[in-house]
Amino acid sequence: MNMQSTHTDRISQREYFETNELLNQEESFMEANALAYLGAGLGAGLVVLGAAFGIGKLAAATMEATGRQPEVAGQVRTSMIISAALIEGATFFALAICIILATK
């Protein structure tokens, strides 16, 4: 009887360790997913802040140039709009990359 209880204990221990190993693998996968979402969120936030700062500086420089030389306001405004569109395009591209990395 003592021999049989030892055998049962070994099986129980093996099942326990196998179950524990599977749980640890699932937890590490969940941690990796959580870190991916966190990284994507932080990346998206930094991209948006950088774009907002860049467009704000661009608008300030445009207003200053228009104040100094009002006769070239149309050309400066056109350059500003093109530059802002390029900044926004790069921002959307970076946000798409963040979303793709989060859902990977």
C-alpha atoms as a PDB file:
ATOM      1  CA  MET A   1       0.000   0.000   0.000  1.00  0.00           C
ATOM      2  CA  ASN A   2       2.869   2.289   0.729  1.00  0.00           C
ATOM      3  CA  MET A   3       4.301   1.614  -2.767  1.00  0.00           C
ATOM      4  CA  GLN A   4       1.057   2.522  -4.486  1.00  0.00           C
ATOM      5  CA  SER A   5       0.639   5.818  -2.625  1.00  0.00           C
ATOM      6  CA  THR A   6       4.188   6.814  -3.644  1.00  0.00           C
ATOM      7  CA  HIS A   7       3.371   6.092  -7.292  1.00  0.00           C
ATOM      8  CA  THR A   8       0.180   8.160  -7.021  1.00  0.00           C
ATOM      9  CA  ASP A   9       2.133  10.990  -5.392  1.00  0.00           C
ATOM     10  CA  ARG A  10       4.629  10.990  -8.270  1.00  0.00           C
ATOM     11  CA  ILE A  11       1.869  11.184 -10.862  1.00  0.00           C
ATOM     12  CA  SER A  12       0.223  13.993  -8.940  1.00  0.00           C
ATOM     13  CA  GLN A  13       3.504  15.876  -8.713  1.00  0.00           C
ATOM     14  CA  ARG A  14       4.184  15.424 -12.428  1.00  0.00           C
ATOM     15  CA  GLU A  15       0.688  16.656 -13.330  1.00  0.00           C
ATOM     16  CA  TYR A  16       1.135  19.555 -10.944  1.00  0.00           C
ATOM     17  CA  PHE A  17       4.452  20.613 -12.511  1.00  0.00           C
ATOM     18  CA  GLU A  18       3.121  20.192 -16.078  1.00  0.00           C
ATOM     19  CA  THR A  19       0.089  22.291 -15.234  1.00  0.00           C
ATOM     20  CA  ASN A  20       2.310  24.885 -13.561  1.00  0.00           C
ATOM     21  CA  GLU A  21       4.570  25.003 -16.617  1.00  0.00           C
ATOM     22  CA  LEU A  22       1.593  25.597 -18.930  1.00  0.00           C
ATOM     23  CA  LEU A  23       0.300  28.356 -16.675  1.00  0.00           C
ATOM     24  CA  ASN A  24       3.713  30.018 -16.638  1.00  0.00           C
ATOM     25  CA  GLN A  25       3.835  29.924 -20.446  1.00  0.00           C
ATOM     26  CA  GLU A  26       0.379  31.492 -20.650  1.00  0.00           C
ATOM     27  CA  GLU A  27       1.358  34.173 -18.145  1.00  0.00           C
ATOM     28  CA  SER A  28       4.523  35.054 -20.073  1.00  0.00           C
ATOM     29  CA  PHE A  29       2.481  35.258 -23.289  1.00  0.00           C
ATOM     30  CA  MET A  30       0.005  37.567 -21.559  1.00  0.00           C
ATOM     31  CA  GLU A  31       2.855  39.715 -20.248  1.00  0.00           C
ATOM     32  CA  ALA A  32       4.295  39.974 -23.755  1.00  0.00           C
ATOM     33  CA  ASN A  33       0.897  41.035 -25.111  1.00  0.00           C
ATOM     34  CA  ALA A  34       0.484  43.580 -22.343  1.00  0.00           C
ATOM     35  CA  LEU A  35       3.922  45.010 -23.057  1.00  0.00           C
ATOM     36  CA  ALA A  36       3.114  45.196 -26.779  1.00  0.00           C
ATOM     37  CA  TYR A  37      -0.051  47.168 -26.040  1.00  0.00           C
ATOM     38  CA  LEU A  38       1.802  49.416 -23.631  1.00  0.00           C
ATOM     39  CA  GLY A  39       4.582  50.069 -26.146  1.00  0.00           C
ATOM     40  CA  ALA A  40       2.094  50.780 -28.927  1.00  0.00           C
ATOM     41  CA  GLY A  41       0.171  53.186 -26.697  1.00  0.00           C
ATOM     42  CA  LEU A  42       3.297  55.028 -25.621  1.00  0.00           C
ATOM     43  CA  GLY A  43       4.562  55.141 -29.211  1.00  0.00           C
ATOM     44  CA  ALA A  44       1.266  56.519 -30.474  1.00  0.00           C
ATOM     45  CA  GLY A  45       1.263  59.150 -27.735  1.00  0.00           C
ATOM     46  CA  LEU A  46       4.787  60.250 -28.554  1.00  0.00           C
ATOM     47  CA  VAL A  47       3.983  60.419 -32.266  1.00  0.00           C
ATOM     48  CA  VAL A  48       0.928  62.599 -31.690  1.00  0.00           C
ATOM     49  CA  LEU A  49       2.768  64.891 -29.279  1.00  0.00           C
ATOM     50  CA  GLY A  50       5.685  65.252 -31.685  1.00  0.00           C
ATOM     51  CA  ALA A  51       3.396  66.061 -34.593  1.00  0.00           C
ATOM     52  CA  ALA A  52       1.428  68.598 -32.547  1.00  0.00           C
ATOM     53  CA  PHE A  53       4.640  70.272 -31.401  1.00  0.00           C
ATOM     54  CA  GLY A  54       6.008  70.348 -34.969  1.00  0.00           C
ATOM     55  CA  ILE A  55       2.854  71.805 -36.489  1.00  0.00           C
ATOM     56  CA  GLY A  56       2.633  74.344 -33.665  1.00  0.00           C
ATOM     57  CA  LYS A  57       6.192  75.519 -34.319  1.00  0.00           C
ATOM     58  CA  LEU A  58       5.430  75.622 -38.040  1.00  0.00           C
ATOM     59  CA  ALA A  59       2.357  77.796 -37.512  1.00  0.00           C
ATOM     60  CA  ALA A  60       4.257  80.122 -35.172  1.00  0.00           C
ATOM     61  CA  ALA A  61       7.044  80.571 -37.717  1.00  0.00           C
ATOM     62  CA  THR A  62       4.472  81.227 -40.447  1.00  0.00           C
ATOM     63  CA  MET A  63       2.723  83.902 -38.395  1.00  0.00           C
ATOM     64  CA  GLU A  64       6.063  85.530 -37.628  1.00  0.00           C
ATOM     65  CA  ALA A  65       7.075  85.515 -41.313  1.00  0.00           C
ATOM     66  CA  THR A  66       3.709  86.942 -42.332  1.00  0.00           C
ATOM     67  CA  GLY A  67       4.061  89.693 -39.736  1.00  0.00           C
ATOM     68  CA  ARG A  68       7.517  90.616 -41.003  1.00  0.00           C
ATOM     69  CA  GLN A  69       6.683  90.506 -44.722  1.00  0.00           C
ATOM     70  CA  PRO A  70       2.931  90.714 -45.343  1.00  0.00           C
ATOM     71  CA  GLU A  71       3.416  90.835 -49.116  1.00  0.00           C
ATOM     72  CA  VAL A  72       4.579  87.170 -49.231  1.00  0.00           C
ATOM     73  CA  ALA A  73       1.856  85.867 -46.922  1.00  0.00           C
ATOM     74  CA  GLY A  74       0.273  83.737 -49.666  1.00  0.00           C
ATOM     75  CA  GLN A  75       3.522  81.948 -50.510  1.00  0.00           C
ATOM     76  CA  VAL A  76       4.363  81.376 -46.849  1.00  0.00           C
ATOM     77  CA  ARG A  77       0.862  80.036 -46.161  1.00  0.00           C
ATOM     78  CA  THR A  78       1.131  77.613 -49.083  1.00  0.00           C
ATOM     79  CA  SER A  79       4.483  76.357 -47.822  1.00  0.00           C
ATOM     80  CA  MET A  80       3.027  75.956 -44.347  1.00  0.00           C
ATOM     81  CA  ILE A  81       0.073  73.909 -45.581  1.00  0.00           C
ATOM     82  CA  ILE A  82       2.335  71.597 -47.599  1.00  0.00           C
ATOM     83  CA  SER A  83       4.691  71.133 -44.642  1.00  0.00           C
ATOM     84  CA  ALA A  84       1.809  70.473 -42.247  1.00  0.00           C
ATOM     85  CA  ALA A  85       0.397  67.880 -44.653  1.00  0.00           C
ATOM     86  CA  LEU A  86       3.781  66.111 -44.781  1.00  0.00           C
ATOM     87  CA  ILE A  87       3.995  66.104 -40.982  1.00  0.00           C
ATOM     88  CA  GLU A  88       0.488  64.683 -40.700  1.00  0.00           C
ATOM     89  CA  GLY A  89       1.260  62.025 -43.309  1.00  0.00           C
ATOM     90  CA  ALA A  90       4.302  60.861 -41.365  1.00  0.00           C
ATOM     91  CA  THR A  91       2.202  60.903 -38.186  1.00  0.00           C
ATOM     92  CA  PHE A  92      -0.513  58.703 -39.705  1.00  0.00           C
ATOM     93  CA  PHE A  93       2.136  56.300 -40.993  1.00  0.00           C
ATOM     94  CA  ALA A  94       3.707  56.036 -37.525  1.00  0.00           C
ATOM     95  CA  LEU A  95       0.290  55.530 -35.908  1.00  0.00           C
ATOM     96  CA  ALA A  96      -0.485  52.749 -38.399  1.00  0.00           C
ATOM     97  CA  ILE A  97       2.788  51.056 -37.462  1.00  0.00           C
ATOM     98  CA  CYS A  98       1.902  51.317 -33.754  1.00  0.00           C
ATOM     99  CA  ILE A  99      -1.508  49.752 -34.388  1.00  0.00           C
ATOM    100  CA  ILE A 100       0.004  46.958 -36.475  1.00  0.00           C
ATOM    101  CA  LEU A 101       2.553  46.185 -33.772  1.00  0.00           C
ATOM    102  CA  ALA A 102      -0.148  46.157 -31.097  1.00  0.00           C
ATOM    103  CA  THR A 103      -2.305  43.672 -32.994  1.00  0.00           C
ATOM    104  CA  LYS A 104       0.569  41.416 -34.037  1.00  0.00           C
END
